[in-house]
Amino acid sequence: MLDEKQLKDTVLAYVKDEYVEDEEEADELTPDTPLISGGIVDSFSMVSLKVFLEKRYQIQIPDADATPQSFDTVNKIVELVKRFKGE
């Protein structure tokens, strides 16, 4: 069973480390910050984030479900991971 807080923290840390260069901006990032519509994650970055999630949580996210809407916030990503983890 996934610990939701730990999952949020892991995804948030990954996004900060991989996609946010400005430390101040990274500090302001929350689970509800718009990642795609906010310009933090682009379509290429979304693919690498999908691969990270699939490897880390041993899931398969079908391309049809890997949409900008489902990857737009950490909270939405957490829900996606939980869904494909069967939780």
C-alpha atoms as a PDB file:
ATOM      1  CA  MET A   1       0.000   0.000   0.000  1.00  0.00           C
ATOM      2  CA  LEU A   2       1.302   3.419  -0.921  1.00  0.00           C
ATOM      3  CA  ASP A   3       1.778   6.101   1.683  1.00  0.00           C
ATOM      4  CA  GLU A   4       0.100   9.103   0.038  1.00  0.00           C
ATOM      5  CA  LYS A   5       2.239  11.703   1.829  1.00  0.00           C
ATOM      6  CA  GLN A   6       5.432   9.885   0.899  1.00  0.00           C
ATOM      7  CA  LEU A   7       4.230   9.576  -2.697  1.00  0.00           C
ATOM      8  CA  LYS A   8       3.470  13.326  -2.838  1.00  0.00           C
ATOM      9  CA  ASP A   9       6.855  14.149  -1.309  1.00  0.00           C
ATOM     10  CA  THR A  10       8.671  11.895  -3.796  1.00  0.00           C
ATOM     11  CA  VAL A  11       6.904  13.349  -6.845  1.00  0.00           C
ATOM     12  CA  LEU A  12       7.333  16.918  -5.580  1.00  0.00           C
ATOM     13  CA  ALA A  13      11.057  16.359  -4.935  1.00  0.00           C
ATOM     14  CA  TYR A  14      11.514  14.825  -8.399  1.00  0.00           C
ATOM     15  CA  VAL A  15       9.771  17.751 -10.098  1.00  0.00           C
ATOM     16  CA  LYS A  16      11.831  20.274  -8.112  1.00  0.00           C
ATOM     17  CA  ASP A  17      15.115  18.479  -8.845  1.00  0.00           C
ATOM     18  CA  GLU A  18      14.481  17.814 -12.517  1.00  0.00           C
ATOM     19  CA  TYR A  19      12.454  20.753 -13.788  1.00  0.00           C
ATOM     20  CA  VAL A  20      12.830  23.786 -11.523  1.00  0.00           C
ATOM     21  CA  GLU A  21      16.100  25.692 -11.745  1.00  0.00           C
ATOM     22  CA  ASP A  22      15.230  28.644  -9.524  1.00  0.00           C
ATOM     23  CA  GLU A  23      15.532  27.693  -5.839  1.00  0.00           C
ATOM     24  CA  GLU A  24      12.975  30.285  -4.773  1.00  0.00           C
ATOM     25  CA  GLU A  25      10.481  28.947  -7.306  1.00  0.00           C
ATOM     26  CA  ALA A  26      11.177  25.400  -6.073  1.00  0.00           C
ATOM     27  CA  ASP A  27      10.411  26.454  -2.496  1.00  0.00           C
ATOM     28  CA  GLU A  28       7.024  27.810  -3.616  1.00  0.00           C
ATOM     29  CA  LEU A  29       6.027  24.608  -5.403  1.00  0.00           C
ATOM     30  CA  THR A  30       3.092  22.827  -3.737  1.00  0.00           C
ATOM     31  CA  PRO A  31       1.071  19.706  -4.595  1.00  0.00           C
ATOM     32  CA  ASP A  32      -1.509  22.015  -6.230  1.00  0.00           C
ATOM     33  CA  THR A  33       0.908  24.114  -8.316  1.00  0.00           C
ATOM     34  CA  PRO A  34       0.013  23.854 -12.034  1.00  0.00           C
ATOM     35  CA  LEU A  35       2.972  22.046 -13.597  1.00  0.00           C
ATOM     36  CA  ILE A  36       1.983  21.823 -17.254  1.00  0.00           C
ATOM     37  CA  SER A  37      -0.336  24.811 -17.558  1.00  0.00           C
ATOM     38  CA  GLY A  38       2.134  26.741 -15.375  1.00  0.00           C
ATOM     39  CA  GLY A  39       5.008  26.025 -17.771  1.00  0.00           C
ATOM     40  CA  ILE A  40       7.122  24.048 -15.285  1.00  0.00           C
ATOM     41  CA  VAL A  41       6.774  20.718 -17.109  1.00  0.00           C
ATOM     42  CA  ASP A  42       6.614  20.538 -20.915  1.00  0.00           C
ATOM     43  CA  SER A  43       5.562  17.593 -23.069  1.00  0.00           C
ATOM     44  CA  PHE A  44       9.081  16.135 -23.222  1.00  0.00           C
ATOM     45  CA  SER A  45       9.478  16.442 -19.462  1.00  0.00           C
ATOM     46  CA  MET A  46       6.097  14.813 -18.980  1.00  0.00           C
ATOM     47  CA  VAL A  47       7.379  11.714 -20.788  1.00  0.00           C
ATOM     48  CA  SER A  48      10.429  11.479 -18.516  1.00  0.00           C
ATOM     49  CA  LEU A  49       8.202  11.990 -15.469  1.00  0.00           C
ATOM     50  CA  LYS A  50       5.934   9.173 -16.705  1.00  0.00           C
ATOM     51  CA  VAL A  51       8.943   6.855 -17.099  1.00  0.00           C
ATOM     52  CA  PHE A  52      10.167   7.778 -13.595  1.00  0.00           C
ATOM     53  CA  LEU A  53       6.756   6.976 -12.099  1.00  0.00           C
ATOM     54  CA  GLU A  54       6.469   3.684 -13.974  1.00  0.00           C
ATOM     55  CA  LYS A  55       9.901   2.515 -12.824  1.00  0.00           C
ATOM     56  CA  ARG A  56       9.632   3.806  -9.266  1.00  0.00           C
ATOM     57  CA  TYR A  57       6.165   2.407  -8.591  1.00  0.00           C
ATOM     58  CA  GLN A  58       6.282  -0.594 -10.965  1.00  0.00           C
ATOM     59  CA  ILE A  59       3.196   0.448 -12.910  1.00  0.00           C
ATOM     60  CA  GLN A  60       2.257   0.941 -16.545  1.00  0.00           C
ATOM     61  CA  ILE A  61       0.520   4.207 -17.398  1.00  0.00           C
ATOM     62  CA  PRO A  62      -1.133   3.880 -20.822  1.00  0.00           C
ATOM     63  CA  ASP A  63      -0.381   6.755 -23.180  1.00  0.00           C
ATOM     64  CA  ALA A  64      -4.113   7.516 -23.323  1.00  0.00           C
ATOM     65  CA  ASP A  65      -4.004   8.264 -19.580  1.00  0.00           C
ATOM     66  CA  ALA A  66      -0.753  10.237 -19.685  1.00  0.00           C
ATOM     67  CA  THR A  67      -2.441  13.514 -20.545  1.00  0.00           C
ATOM     68  CA  PRO A  68      -1.460  17.071 -19.660  1.00  0.00           C
ATOM     69  CA  GLN A  69      -4.557  17.197 -17.456  1.00  0.00           C
ATOM     70  CA  SER A  70      -3.562  14.109 -15.467  1.00  0.00           C
ATOM     71  CA  PHE A  71      -0.007  15.430 -15.000  1.00  0.00           C
ATOM     72  CA  ASP A  72      -0.888  19.070 -14.263  1.00  0.00           C
ATOM     73  CA  THR A  73      -0.379  18.964 -10.485  1.00  0.00           C
ATOM     74  CA  VAL A  74       1.410  16.693  -8.048  1.00  0.00           C
ATOM     75  CA  ASN A  75      -1.977  15.842  -6.523  1.00  0.00           C
ATOM     76  CA  LYS A  76      -3.298  14.705  -9.922  1.00  0.00           C
ATOM     77  CA  ILE A  77      -0.140  12.659 -10.503  1.00  0.00           C
ATOM     78  CA  VAL A  78      -0.583  11.000  -7.095  1.00  0.00           C
ATOM     79  CA  GLU A  79      -4.161  10.050  -7.995  1.00  0.00           C
ATOM     80  CA  LEU A  80      -2.943   8.629 -11.315  1.00  0.00           C
ATOM     81  CA  VAL A  81      -0.256   6.514  -9.630  1.00  0.00           C
ATOM     82  CA  LYS A  82      -2.709   5.262  -7.015  1.00  0.00           C
ATOM     83  CA  ARG A  83      -5.195   4.317  -9.734  1.00  0.00           C
ATOM     84  CA  PHE A  84      -2.660   2.231 -11.635  1.00  0.00           C
ATOM     85  CA  LYS A  85      -1.289   0.756  -8.430  1.00  0.00           C
ATOM     86  CA  GLY A  86      -4.824  -0.474  -7.796  1.00  0.00           C
ATOM     87  CA  GLU A  87      -5.452   1.659  -4.714  1.00  0.00           C
END
